[in-house]
Protein backbone atom coordinates (compact mmCIF):
# COMPACT_ATOMS: atom_id res chain seq x y z
CA UNK A 1 -61.82 -54.62 5.90
CA UNK A 2 -65.29 -54.14 7.34
CA UNK A 3 -65.30 -52.20 10.60
CA UNK A 4 -67.72 -54.71 12.16
CA UNK A 5 -65.47 -57.66 11.41
CA UNK A 6 -63.78 -59.33 14.38
CA UNK A 7 -60.05 -59.34 13.71
CA UNK A 8 -56.81 -60.59 15.18
CA UNK A 9 -56.75 -61.41 18.87
CA UNK A 10 -60.45 -60.64 19.29
CA UNK A 11 -61.34 -63.24 16.64
CA UNK A 12 -59.12 -65.81 18.39
CA UNK A 13 -60.84 -65.07 21.72
CA UNK A 14 -64.23 -65.40 20.00
CA UNK A 15 -63.02 -68.79 18.75
CA UNK A 16 -62.27 -69.87 22.32
CA UNK A 17 -65.82 -68.92 23.37
CA UNK A 18 -67.30 -70.77 20.39
CA UNK A 19 -65.11 -73.79 21.17
CA UNK A 20 -66.36 -73.91 24.76
CA UNK A 21 -69.94 -73.81 23.41
CA UNK A 22 -69.10 -76.99 21.45
CA UNK A 23 -68.81 -78.75 24.81
CA UNK A 24 -72.58 -78.31 25.23
CA UNK A 25 -73.61 -79.00 21.62
CA UNK A 26 -71.20 -79.77 18.80
CA UNK A 27 -73.01 -78.18 15.87
CA UNK A 28 -74.58 -75.00 17.33
CA UNK A 29 -71.27 -73.07 17.60
CA UNK A 30 -70.11 -74.41 14.23
CA UNK A 31 -73.34 -73.10 12.71
CA UNK A 32 -72.81 -69.75 14.47
CA UNK A 33 -69.27 -69.60 13.06
CA UNK A 34 -70.57 -70.40 9.56
CA UNK A 35 -73.20 -67.64 9.79
CA UNK A 36 -70.62 -65.20 11.19
CA UNK A 37 -68.26 -66.02 8.32
CA UNK A 38 -71.05 -65.70 5.76
CA UNK A 39 -72.17 -62.30 7.06
CA UNK A 40 -68.64 -60.97 7.52
CA UNK A 41 -68.83 -60.69 11.31
CA UNK A 42 -65.73 -62.84 11.65
CA UNK A 43 -62.92 -63.46 9.21
CA UNK A 44 -62.23 -67.14 8.63
CA UNK A 45 -58.68 -68.18 7.81
CA UNK A 46 -58.04 -68.90 4.15
CA UNK A 47 -58.31 -72.70 4.33
CA UNK A 48 -61.67 -72.46 6.14
CA UNK A 49 -63.45 -70.10 3.73
CA UNK A 50 -65.63 -73.00 2.57
CA UNK A 51 -67.30 -72.93 6.00
CA UNK A 52 -69.10 -69.73 4.93
CA UNK A 53 -70.52 -71.37 1.78
CA UNK A 54 -74.22 -72.13 1.32
CA UNK A 55 -73.71 -75.94 1.20
CA UNK A 56 -71.79 -75.83 4.52
CA UNK A 57 -74.43 -73.57 6.07
CA UNK A 58 -77.31 -75.82 4.98
CA UNK A 59 -75.43 -78.94 6.15
CA UNK A 60 -74.75 -77.37 9.57
CA UNK A 61 -78.39 -76.27 9.98
CA UNK A 62 -79.49 -79.86 9.30
CA UNK A 63 -76.87 -81.34 11.64
CA UNK A 64 -77.75 -78.84 14.40
CA UNK A 65 -81.48 -79.63 14.26
CA UNK A 66 -80.78 -83.39 14.22
CA UNK A 67 -78.41 -83.13 17.20
CA UNK A 68 -80.84 -81.06 19.27
CA UNK A 69 -83.74 -83.44 18.51
CA UNK A 70 -81.69 -86.58 19.30
CA UNK A 71 -80.93 -85.36 22.82
CA UNK A 72 -84.65 -85.46 23.64
CA UNK A 73 -84.89 -89.21 23.01
CA UNK A 74 -84.59 -91.11 26.35
CA UNK A 75 -81.36 -93.11 26.76
CA UNK A 76 -80.18 -92.04 23.29
CA UNK A 77 -78.89 -88.86 24.95
CA UNK A 78 -76.55 -90.91 27.16
CA UNK A 79 -75.32 -92.90 24.15
CA UNK A 80 -74.74 -89.66 22.25
CA UNK A 81 -72.47 -88.44 25.05
CA UNK A 82 -70.00 -91.24 24.29
CA UNK A 83 -69.81 -89.96 20.70
CA UNK A 84 -70.09 -86.28 21.61
CA UNK A 85 -67.04 -86.27 23.88
CA UNK A 86 -64.40 -86.91 21.19
CA UNK A 87 -66.50 -84.99 18.65
CA UNK A 88 -66.62 -81.94 20.95
CA UNK A 89 -62.81 -82.04 21.25
CA UNK A 90 -62.50 -82.15 17.46
CA UNK A 91 -65.14 -79.42 16.97
CA UNK A 92 -63.45 -77.13 19.49
CA UNK A 93 -60.08 -77.64 17.79
CA UNK A 94 -61.63 -77.09 14.35
CA UNK A 95 -63.39 -73.87 15.42
CA UNK A 96 -60.19 -72.44 16.89
CA UNK A 97 -58.20 -73.37 13.79
CA UNK A 98 -60.79 -71.62 11.60
CA UNK A 99 -60.16 -68.24 13.25
CA UNK A 100 -56.40 -68.50 13.84
CA UNK A 101 -54.26 -66.52 11.39
CA UNK A 102 -52.33 -68.38 8.68
CA UNK A 103 -49.20 -70.03 10.10
CA UNK A 104 -47.27 -73.29 10.06
CA UNK A 105 -49.82 -76.15 10.07
CA UNK A 106 -48.20 -77.99 12.98
CA UNK A 107 -48.21 -74.86 15.16
CA UNK A 108 -51.73 -73.90 14.07
CA UNK A 109 -53.30 -77.26 14.99
CA UNK A 110 -51.35 -77.48 18.25
CA UNK A 111 -52.58 -74.03 19.30
CA UNK A 112 -56.11 -74.91 18.14
CA UNK A 113 -56.10 -78.09 20.26
CA UNK A 114 -54.98 -76.14 23.34
CA UNK A 115 -57.21 -73.08 22.87
CA UNK A 116 -60.24 -74.86 21.41
CA UNK A 117 -60.13 -78.59 22.05
CA UNK A 118 -59.27 -78.29 25.75
CA UNK A 119 -62.15 -75.94 26.72
CA UNK A 120 -64.63 -77.98 24.66
CA UNK A 121 -63.42 -81.21 26.29
CA UNK A 122 -63.66 -79.87 29.84
CA UNK A 123 -67.16 -78.47 29.28
CA UNK A 124 -68.27 -81.74 27.61
CA UNK A 125 -66.96 -83.77 30.56
CA UNK A 126 -69.07 -81.59 32.86
CA UNK A 127 -72.20 -82.19 30.74
CA UNK A 128 -71.60 -85.96 30.72
CA UNK A 129 -71.44 -86.02 34.52
CA UNK A 130 -74.55 -83.82 34.79
CA UNK A 131 -76.54 -86.09 32.47
CA UNK A 132 -75.26 -89.20 34.25
CA UNK A 133 -76.38 -87.78 37.60
CA UNK A 134 -79.76 -86.84 36.12
CA UNK A 135 -80.23 -90.34 34.70
CA UNK A 136 -79.20 -92.01 37.97
CA UNK A 137 -81.38 -89.84 40.22
CA UNK A 138 -84.49 -89.39 38.03
CA UNK A 139 -84.34 -92.41 35.73
CA UNK A 140 -83.85 -90.01 32.80
CA UNK A 141 -87.09 -88.07 33.45
CA UNK A 142 -85.18 -84.82 34.02
CA UNK A 143 -82.87 -85.35 31.02
CA UNK A 144 -85.00 -83.26 28.60
CA UNK A 145 -84.60 -80.31 31.00
CA UNK A 146 -80.83 -80.90 31.05
CA UNK A 147 -80.84 -81.09 27.23
CA UNK A 148 -82.77 -77.82 26.93
CA UNK A 149 -80.38 -76.03 29.31
CA UNK A 150 -77.34 -77.39 27.43
CA UNK A 151 -78.66 -76.38 23.99
CA UNK A 152 -79.68 -72.94 25.31
CA UNK A 153 -76.31 -72.42 26.97
CA UNK A 154 -74.49 -73.44 23.79
CA UNK A 155 -76.57 -71.02 21.72
CA UNK A 156 -76.20 -68.08 24.14
CA UNK A 157 -72.45 -68.70 24.57
CA UNK A 158 -71.95 -68.89 20.79
CA UNK A 159 -73.87 -65.65 20.18
CA UNK A 160 -72.16 -63.77 23.00
CA UNK A 161 -68.74 -65.05 21.86
CA UNK A 162 -69.35 -63.11 18.64
CA UNK A 163 -70.98 -60.05 20.26
CA UNK A 164 -68.80 -59.56 23.37
CA UNK A 165 -65.86 -61.92 22.74
CA UNK A 166 -63.42 -60.58 25.34
CA UNK A 167 -65.91 -60.79 28.23
CA UNK A 168 -67.04 -64.27 27.17
CA UNK A 169 -63.39 -65.32 26.79
CA UNK A 170 -62.71 -64.32 30.40
CA UNK A 171 -65.87 -66.07 31.64
CA UNK A 172 -65.01 -69.23 29.66
CA UNK A 173 -61.50 -69.26 31.11
CA UNK A 174 -62.87 -68.99 34.66
CA UNK A 175 -65.51 -71.70 34.05
CA UNK A 176 -62.97 -74.08 32.47
CA UNK A 177 -60.57 -73.66 35.41
CA UNK A 178 -63.40 -74.16 37.93
CA UNK A 179 -64.72 -77.23 36.09
CA UNK A 180 -61.22 -78.69 35.72
CA UNK A 181 -60.64 -78.42 39.48
CA UNK A 182 -64.05 -79.99 40.22
CA UNK A 183 -63.49 -82.85 37.79
CA UNK A 184 -59.98 -83.47 39.14
CA UNK A 185 -61.29 -83.62 42.73
CA UNK A 186 -64.18 -85.90 41.72
CA UNK A 187 -61.95 -88.43 39.97
CA UNK A 188 -59.39 -88.28 42.77
CA UNK A 189 -62.06 -89.33 45.27
CA UNK A 190 -62.97 -92.45 43.27
CA UNK A 191 -62.21 -95.70 45.11
CA UNK A 192 -59.21 -97.59 43.84
CA UNK A 193 -57.37 -94.50 42.63
CA UNK A 194 -55.34 -94.13 45.80
CA UNK A 195 -52.36 -96.40 46.40
CA UNK A 196 -52.64 -98.74 49.38
CA UNK A 197 -50.99 -97.52 52.55
């Protein structure tokens, strides 16, 4: 096996970082995973080898460009968030499953949902709230800035997840815990969620 290839636990940690990046943009980390599989930087599990094929790579490039462009259309970005939330969960789970070693399917997809779907979902929830706040306070004028930051963060996270996976894995874990606490506190403060005294 190539010395530069990410293997074992390191590949799984890289998958967690890529999954978290899916919370910002669904297709950027999937494209990064496809390129990494194609170039031999990461070893995809047997059932996901197709992800490193030219048709998959071309399809993901097209989907990535379309997704990035769509987030710059006023109000469409907010509508996309309603689709992106479940899609991010699925993408995060898919990415994690692609780098997990071969095992029982039930166990593999359960682990992928925990290690990939959960971080992607938490990050996506944070981006939805950020965009909602931007829309409410600026009438959507600042949303292109938010979109640029999200796409840039997704790209940087995806690249670093492949270059320095362990460090990014630790950072992602800390960010997901911090975001989870913030989201929990925010929803707890909502009126009507507390039982009457």
